[in-house]
Amino acid sequence: MKAVSLFSGGLDSMIAIKLMVEQGIKVVAVHIKTGFGGTKDITDILKRRAAIAGADFRVIDVREEYIKKILFDPKYGYGKNFNPCIDCHGYMFRVAKALMRELGASFIVTGEVIGQRPMSQRADALKQVTKLAKDRDEKLIVRPLCAKLLEPTTPEIEGWIDREKLLDISGRGRDRQLKLAKEFGWEDYESPGGGCLLTEAHYSSRIREFIEHDSFEVEDIDLLKFGRHFRLPDGAKLVVGRDREDNEGLKGINSSKYKTITLPVAGPYSLIDKNSSRDDIDLGAKIAITYARSKIEESYSVNVGGDIVVTSPFATKKDAQKYFFKV
């Protein structure tokens, strides 16, 4: 018997897998990549944690479809920020169902715990997720950590798994999960946390501001993760790195929308709209050199996508900061 498990790499999803493996179920841990999981690629970490729990591992990249079908038109709306949690969970289960057929799996496993998250894991929210997942009749979604608090699923009813070996955890506390991790001898697992950039006010505000000026595409997901963001007078977007991590993140973005600002002195990696006006290009160069190791009294030749702009830094960074984007 085989199952597909939605896998975040967190402790709950690891325990859910372990409970199935202990019942002789072969599990494929599936990480569904929406692009909003964080600023770093943790694929190797996820693969290692899936192995610790006893599962094979697979990544499914759904970024483009997620933007088109879920992000901007969620049936059940958003949480506190730009997070369509209920629709997101329902969508992930639909992806898992399609993969289940491909892998010859019989059911789906998830580490959800009733009452743990305020939007997507309330009792009524789980019902909404089930409806979106089109699983009300089949009942193929098993939540091992809180199964005894829910109606029996088909795998339990049919005897594929033993309901008595499932758990009855609820709420936001993690004492029981941490105790189980200790019993399993686990030390490598993610601490409890949101794990989704869409739940963060800062990232959400960047999306809202961005879509007022441009269409949002896959390549823009990472752009909004890094740097200082400016909106220049003629509408151009300017992104200026803050530190080494930002600079490396921005360098890794392959976007046809932006061109690079190259400085003649040590300073931030910066990107500006490819179709910027002349005035915005000049201003973008001035802002970028302001954040570099530059001197107010000197002029610098800044390369903006092949065009050379001779400019001097602002007297203070506050003069540049007035162009920070506003929501």
Protein backbone atom coordinates (compact mmCIF):
# COMPACT_ATOMS: atom_id res chain seq x y z
CA MET A 1 0.00 0.00 0.00
CA LYS A 2 1.32 3.43 -0.95
CA ALA A 3 0.40 6.98 0.09
CA VAL A 4 1.30 10.46 -1.08
CA SER A 5 2.14 12.86 1.74
CA LEU A 6 2.08 16.65 1.46
CA PHE A 7 5.45 17.63 2.88
CA SER A 8 6.56 20.99 4.25
CA GLY A 9 9.63 19.65 6.01
CA GLY A 10 8.20 20.62 9.39
CA LEU A 11 7.87 18.34 12.39
CA ASP A 12 4.14 17.67 11.92
CA SER A 13 4.54 16.44 8.36
CA MET A 14 7.50 14.28 9.40
CA ILE A 15 5.48 12.66 12.20
CA ALA A 16 2.51 12.07 9.87
CA ILE A 17 4.82 10.15 7.53
CA LYS A 18 6.42 8.20 10.36
CA LEU A 19 3.00 7.07 11.67
CA MET A 20 2.17 5.70 8.23
CA VAL A 21 5.55 4.04 7.69
CA GLU A 22 5.17 2.28 11.05
CA GLN A 23 1.96 0.74 9.68
CA GLY A 24 3.75 -0.63 6.65
CA ILE A 25 2.66 2.09 4.23
CA LYS A 26 5.17 3.17 1.59
CA VAL A 27 5.12 6.98 1.49
CA VAL A 28 6.20 9.47 -1.15
CA ALA A 29 6.73 12.89 0.47
CA VAL A 30 5.70 15.57 -2.01
CA HIS A 31 6.81 19.15 -1.59
CA ILE A 32 4.62 21.42 -3.70
CA LYS A 33 6.67 24.43 -4.74
CA THR A 34 4.54 27.59 -4.92
CA GLY A 35 7.59 29.87 -4.73
CA PHE A 36 6.49 31.53 -1.50
CA GLY A 37 8.14 29.18 0.97
CA GLY A 38 11.11 31.40 1.80
CA THR A 39 14.21 33.09 0.44
CA LYS A 40 16.47 30.02 0.24
CA ASP A 41 16.37 26.76 -1.69
CA ILE A 42 15.98 24.06 0.97
CA THR A 43 15.35 21.13 -1.36
CA ASP A 44 18.29 19.13 0.01
CA ILE A 45 17.12 19.73 3.58
CA LEU A 46 13.59 18.59 2.71
CA LYS A 47 14.89 15.46 1.01
CA ARG A 48 16.99 14.62 4.06
CA ARG A 49 14.08 15.12 6.47
CA ALA A 50 11.77 13.01 4.32
CA ALA A 51 14.35 10.23 4.46
CA ILE A 52 14.60 10.57 8.24
CA ALA A 53 10.83 10.05 8.45
CA GLY A 54 11.08 7.06 6.10
CA ALA A 55 9.73 8.43 2.82
CA ASP A 56 10.86 8.91 -0.74
CA PHE A 57 10.88 12.53 -1.87
CA ARG A 58 9.61 14.52 -4.81
CA VAL A 59 9.20 18.23 -5.68
CA ILE A 60 6.35 19.49 -7.85
CA ASP A 61 6.79 23.02 -9.24
CA VAL A 62 3.36 24.68 -9.52
CA ARG A 63 4.42 28.34 -9.41
CA GLU A 64 2.92 29.44 -12.71
CA GLU A 65 -0.40 27.66 -12.19
CA TYR A 66 -0.58 28.83 -8.58
CA ILE A 67 -0.32 32.47 -9.62
CA LYS A 68 -2.94 32.05 -12.33
CA LYS A 69 -5.49 29.98 -10.42
CA ILE A 70 -5.08 30.63 -6.71
CA LEU A 71 -3.15 33.70 -5.63
CA PHE A 72 -5.35 36.50 -6.93
CA ASP A 73 -8.83 34.99 -6.83
CA PRO A 74 -9.26 32.72 -3.80
CA LYS A 75 -12.80 31.48 -3.24
CA TYR A 76 -12.42 31.70 0.53
CA GLY A 77 -10.46 34.95 0.57
CA TYR A 78 -7.27 35.87 2.37
CA GLY A 79 -6.01 35.67 5.91
CA LYS A 80 -4.51 38.65 7.68
CA ASN A 81 -2.20 39.39 4.76
CA PHE A 82 -2.03 38.03 1.18
CA ASN A 83 -2.42 34.40 2.23
CA PRO A 84 -5.21 32.39 0.54
CA CYS A 85 -4.65 29.54 2.99
CA ILE A 86 -7.88 27.57 2.54
CA ASP A 87 -7.75 27.71 -1.26
CA CYS A 88 -4.03 26.95 -1.15
CA HIS A 89 -4.54 23.79 0.90
CA GLY A 90 -7.39 22.64 -1.32
CA TYR A 91 -5.25 23.20 -4.40
CA MET A 92 -2.35 21.23 -2.95
CA PHE A 93 -4.62 18.27 -2.30
CA ARG A 94 -5.83 18.39 -5.91
CA VAL A 95 -2.21 18.33 -7.07
CA ALA A 96 -1.53 15.41 -4.74
CA LYS A 97 -4.59 13.55 -6.09
CA ALA A 98 -3.31 13.85 -9.65
CA LEU A 99 0.09 12.59 -8.54
CA MET A 100 -1.52 9.77 -6.56
CA ARG A 101 -2.80 8.24 -9.77
CA GLU A 102 0.62 8.55 -11.40
CA LEU A 103 2.39 6.86 -8.49
CA GLY A 104 -0.20 4.19 -7.89
CA ALA A 105 -0.92 5.50 -4.39
CA SER A 106 -4.19 4.80 -2.60
CA PHE A 107 -4.56 7.82 -0.32
CA ILE A 108 -3.10 11.15 0.81
CA VAL A 109 -1.45 12.03 4.12
CA THR A 110 -0.99 15.46 5.69
CA GLY A 111 0.50 16.75 8.91
CA GLU A 112 -2.37 19.16 9.61
CA VAL A 113 -3.53 19.46 13.21
CA ILE A 114 -7.02 20.70 13.95
CA GLY A 115 -6.95 24.10 15.63
CA GLN A 116 -3.27 24.72 14.99
CA ARG A 117 -3.54 27.48 12.40
CA PRO A 118 -6.18 30.19 12.69
CA MET A 119 -7.30 30.24 9.05
CA SER A 120 -6.75 26.88 7.41
CA GLN A 121 -6.91 24.35 10.25
CA ARG A 122 -10.10 25.24 12.08
CA ALA A 123 -12.69 22.46 12.04
CA ASP A 124 -14.89 24.34 9.56
CA ALA A 125 -11.85 25.26 7.44
CA LEU A 126 -10.87 21.61 7.12
CA LYS A 127 -14.33 20.95 5.71
CA GLN A 128 -13.87 23.78 3.21
CA VAL A 129 -10.47 22.40 2.23
CA THR A 130 -12.01 18.96 1.76
CA LYS A 131 -14.67 20.48 -0.49
CA LEU A 132 -12.08 22.26 -2.62
CA ALA A 133 -10.06 19.06 -2.81
CA LYS A 134 -13.17 17.22 -4.04
CA ASP A 135 -12.69 14.61 -1.35
CA ARG A 136 -16.04 14.69 0.47
CA ASP A 137 -17.18 11.40 -1.04
CA GLU A 138 -13.89 9.55 -1.49
CA LYS A 139 -12.51 10.49 1.96
CA LEU A 140 -8.92 9.74 0.96
CA ILE A 141 -7.23 12.51 3.00
CA VAL A 142 -5.77 11.18 6.25
CA ARG A 143 -4.56 13.51 9.01
CA PRO A 144 -2.71 11.09 11.31
CA LEU A 145 -1.94 13.62 14.06
CA CYS A 146 -5.57 14.50 14.72
CA ALA A 147 -7.43 11.62 13.02
CA LYS A 148 -9.23 10.47 16.18
CA LEU A 149 -10.89 13.88 16.42
CA LEU A 150 -12.25 13.61 12.89
CA GLU A 151 -14.61 11.28 11.06
CA PRO A 152 -13.00 8.01 9.88
CA THR A 153 -11.55 8.14 6.38
CA THR A 154 -11.71 5.45 3.73
CA PRO A 155 -8.23 4.06 4.55
CA GLU A 156 -9.37 3.62 8.17
CA ILE A 157 -12.78 2.20 7.31
CA GLU A 158 -11.31 -0.25 4.79
CA GLY A 159 -8.60 -1.36 7.19
CA TRP A 160 -5.69 -0.11 5.13
CA ILE A 161 -4.45 1.63 8.28
CA ASP A 162 -5.29 1.13 11.96
CA ARG A 163 -7.22 4.09 13.36
CA GLU A 164 -6.20 3.12 16.91
CA LYS A 165 -2.58 3.87 16.06
CA LEU A 166 -3.42 7.41 14.96
CA LEU A 167 -3.44 10.44 17.27
CA ASP A 168 -5.83 13.00 18.75
CA ILE A 169 -3.68 16.14 18.88
CA SER A 170 -5.37 19.53 18.67
CA GLY A 171 -4.48 23.17 19.22
CA ARG A 172 -1.28 25.14 18.82
CA GLY A 173 0.81 23.43 21.50
CA ARG A 174 3.70 21.26 20.32
CA ASP A 175 4.51 19.28 23.49
CA ARG A 176 3.27 15.96 22.12
CA GLN A 177 5.01 16.42 18.79
CA LEU A 178 8.29 17.29 20.49
CA LYS A 179 7.95 14.27 22.76
CA LEU A 180 7.42 12.04 19.72
CA ALA A 181 10.45 13.56 17.98
CA LYS A 182 12.52 12.68 21.01
CA GLU A 183 11.15 9.13 21.04
CA PHE A 184 12.03 8.77 17.35
CA GLY A 185 15.53 10.11 18.05
CA TRP A 186 15.08 13.07 15.71
CA GLU A 187 17.14 16.22 16.00
CA ASP A 188 16.80 17.53 12.44
CA TYR A 189 13.39 19.13 12.06
CA GLU A 190 12.08 22.61 11.50
CA SER A 191 10.94 24.71 14.44
CA PRO A 192 7.26 25.73 14.44
CA GLY A 193 6.57 28.78 12.32
CA GLY A 194 4.56 30.25 9.48
CA GLY A 195 6.83 29.10 6.65
CA CYS A 196 4.96 31.09 4.00
CA LEU A 197 5.92 34.57 2.83
CA LEU A 198 2.31 35.32 1.95
CA THR A 199 1.48 35.40 5.67
CA GLU A 200 4.03 38.18 6.22
CA ALA A 201 2.86 41.80 6.09
CA HIS A 202 6.08 43.05 4.51
CA TYR A 203 6.00 40.66 1.55
CA SER A 204 2.25 41.02 1.11
CA SER A 205 2.54 44.80 0.90
CA ARG A 206 5.14 44.41 -1.83
CA ILE A 207 2.76 42.26 -3.87
CA ARG A 208 -0.09 44.75 -3.48
CA GLU A 209 2.10 47.63 -4.58
CA PHE A 210 3.60 45.65 -7.45
CA ILE A 211 0.30 44.63 -9.06
CA GLU A 212 -0.79 48.27 -9.18
CA HIS A 213 1.94 48.81 -11.79
CA ASP A 214 2.66 45.48 -13.46
CA SER A 215 1.40 41.95 -14.10
CA PHE A 216 2.72 39.44 -11.56
CA GLU A 217 4.64 36.52 -13.02
CA VAL A 218 6.81 33.67 -11.73
CA GLU A 219 10.00 35.69 -12.14
CA ASP A 220 8.56 38.38 -9.87
CA ILE A 221 8.14 36.04 -6.88
CA ASP A 222 11.84 36.13 -6.05
CA LEU A 223 12.27 39.79 -6.98
CA LEU A 224 10.00 40.78 -4.09
CA LYS A 225 11.99 38.69 -1.60
CA PHE A 226 15.16 40.74 -1.69
CA GLY A 227 16.44 44.28 -1.33
CA ARG A 228 15.09 47.77 -0.79
CA HIS A 229 12.21 48.55 -3.14
CA PHE A 230 11.66 51.95 -4.71
CA ARG A 231 8.97 53.29 -7.02
CA LEU A 232 10.40 56.15 -9.07
CA PRO A 233 8.40 59.21 -10.27
CA ASP A 234 7.76 57.95 -13.81
CA GLY A 235 6.71 54.52 -12.53
CA ALA A 236 9.91 52.48 -12.74
CA LYS A 237 10.66 49.86 -10.12
CA LEU A 238 14.11 49.93 -8.57
CA VAL A 239 15.47 47.22 -6.27
CA VAL A 240 18.70 47.83 -4.36
CA GLY A 241 20.40 45.06 -2.37
CA ARG A 242 20.87 45.52 1.38
CA ASP A 243 23.51 42.90 2.13
CA ARG A 244 25.36 39.93 0.68
CA GLU A 245 22.32 37.64 0.84
CA ASP A 246 20.20 40.22 -1.00
CA ASN A 247 22.88 40.75 -3.62
CA GLU A 248 23.21 37.03 -4.28
CA GLY A 249 19.43 36.63 -4.39
CA LEU A 250 19.03 39.45 -6.90
CA LYS A 251 21.87 38.12 -9.04
CA GLY A 252 20.04 34.81 -9.31
CA ILE A 253 16.92 36.40 -10.81
CA ASN A 254 16.60 35.81 -14.53
CA SER A 255 14.01 38.35 -15.60
CA SER A 256 13.35 39.95 -18.97
CA LYS A 257 11.72 42.90 -17.19
CA TYR A 258 14.83 44.33 -15.54
CA LYS A 259 18.34 45.49 -16.29
CA THR A 260 21.30 45.60 -13.96
CA ILE A 261 22.88 48.69 -12.44
CA THR A 262 26.64 48.14 -12.23
CA LEU A 263 28.61 50.41 -9.91
CA PRO A 264 32.29 51.47 -10.28
CA VAL A 265 32.82 51.06 -6.51
CA ALA A 266 31.83 48.45 -3.93
CA GLY A 267 28.10 48.59 -3.40
CA PRO A 268 24.75 46.87 -3.77
CA TYR A 269 23.56 44.78 -6.68
CA SER A 270 20.59 46.66 -8.17
CA LEU A 271 17.89 46.10 -10.76
CA ILE A 272 15.68 48.64 -12.53
CA ASP A 273 12.76 48.35 -14.95
CA LYS A 274 13.96 47.66 -18.48
CA ASN A 275 11.54 50.26 -19.87
CA SER A 276 12.44 53.04 -17.44
CA SER A 277 12.29 56.65 -18.59
CA ARG A 278 15.50 58.64 -18.90
CA ASP A 279 14.71 60.53 -15.70
CA ASP A 280 14.05 57.32 -13.77
CA ILE A 281 17.28 55.77 -15.07
CA ASP A 282 19.25 58.80 -13.88
CA LEU A 283 17.51 58.73 -10.51
CA GLY A 284 17.96 54.98 -10.16
CA ALA A 285 21.70 55.34 -10.73
CA LYS A 286 21.86 58.13 -8.15
CA ILE A 287 20.02 56.07 -5.55
CA ALA A 288 22.17 53.00 -6.17
CA ILE A 289 25.44 54.92 -5.80
CA THR A 290 24.10 56.49 -2.61
CA TYR A 291 24.07 53.06 -0.99
CA ALA A 292 27.60 52.28 -2.23
CA ARG A 293 30.97 53.18 -0.78
CA SER A 294 30.81 56.56 -2.41
CA LYS A 295 31.67 60.16 -1.53
CA ILE A 296 29.18 63.01 -1.85
CA GLU A 297 31.70 65.34 -3.46
CA GLU A 298 32.65 62.90 -6.23
CA SER A 299 31.00 61.87 -9.50
CA TYR A 300 30.72 58.27 -10.67
CA SER A 301 30.08 56.55 -13.99
CA VAL A 302 27.26 54.09 -13.33
CA ASN A 303 26.38 51.46 -15.93
CA VAL A 304 22.62 51.00 -16.24
CA GLY A 305 22.01 48.12 -18.63
CA GLY A 306 24.76 49.36 -20.96
CA ASP A 307 24.01 53.08 -20.62
CA ILE A 308 26.54 55.17 -18.69
CA VAL A 309 25.10 57.67 -16.22
CA VAL A 310 27.46 60.13 -14.56
CA THR A 311 26.07 60.96 -11.14
CA SER A 312 26.83 61.75 -7.51
CA PRO A 313 25.22 60.25 -4.38
CA PHE A 314 22.52 62.01 -2.41
CA ALA A 315 23.74 63.99 0.57
CA THR A 316 22.01 61.50 2.88
CA LYS A 317 20.24 58.17 2.50
CA LYS A 318 17.05 59.88 3.73
CA ASP A 319 16.98 61.78 0.43
CA ALA A 320 16.88 58.43 -1.40
CA GLN A 321 14.41 56.86 0.99
CA LYS A 322 11.61 59.22 0.01
CA TYR A 323 11.29 57.08 -3.12
CA PHE A 324 10.56 53.89 -1.15
CA PHE A 325 7.36 52.34 -2.49
CA LYS A 326 4.18 53.31 -0.70
CA VAL A 327 1.07 51.13 -0.32
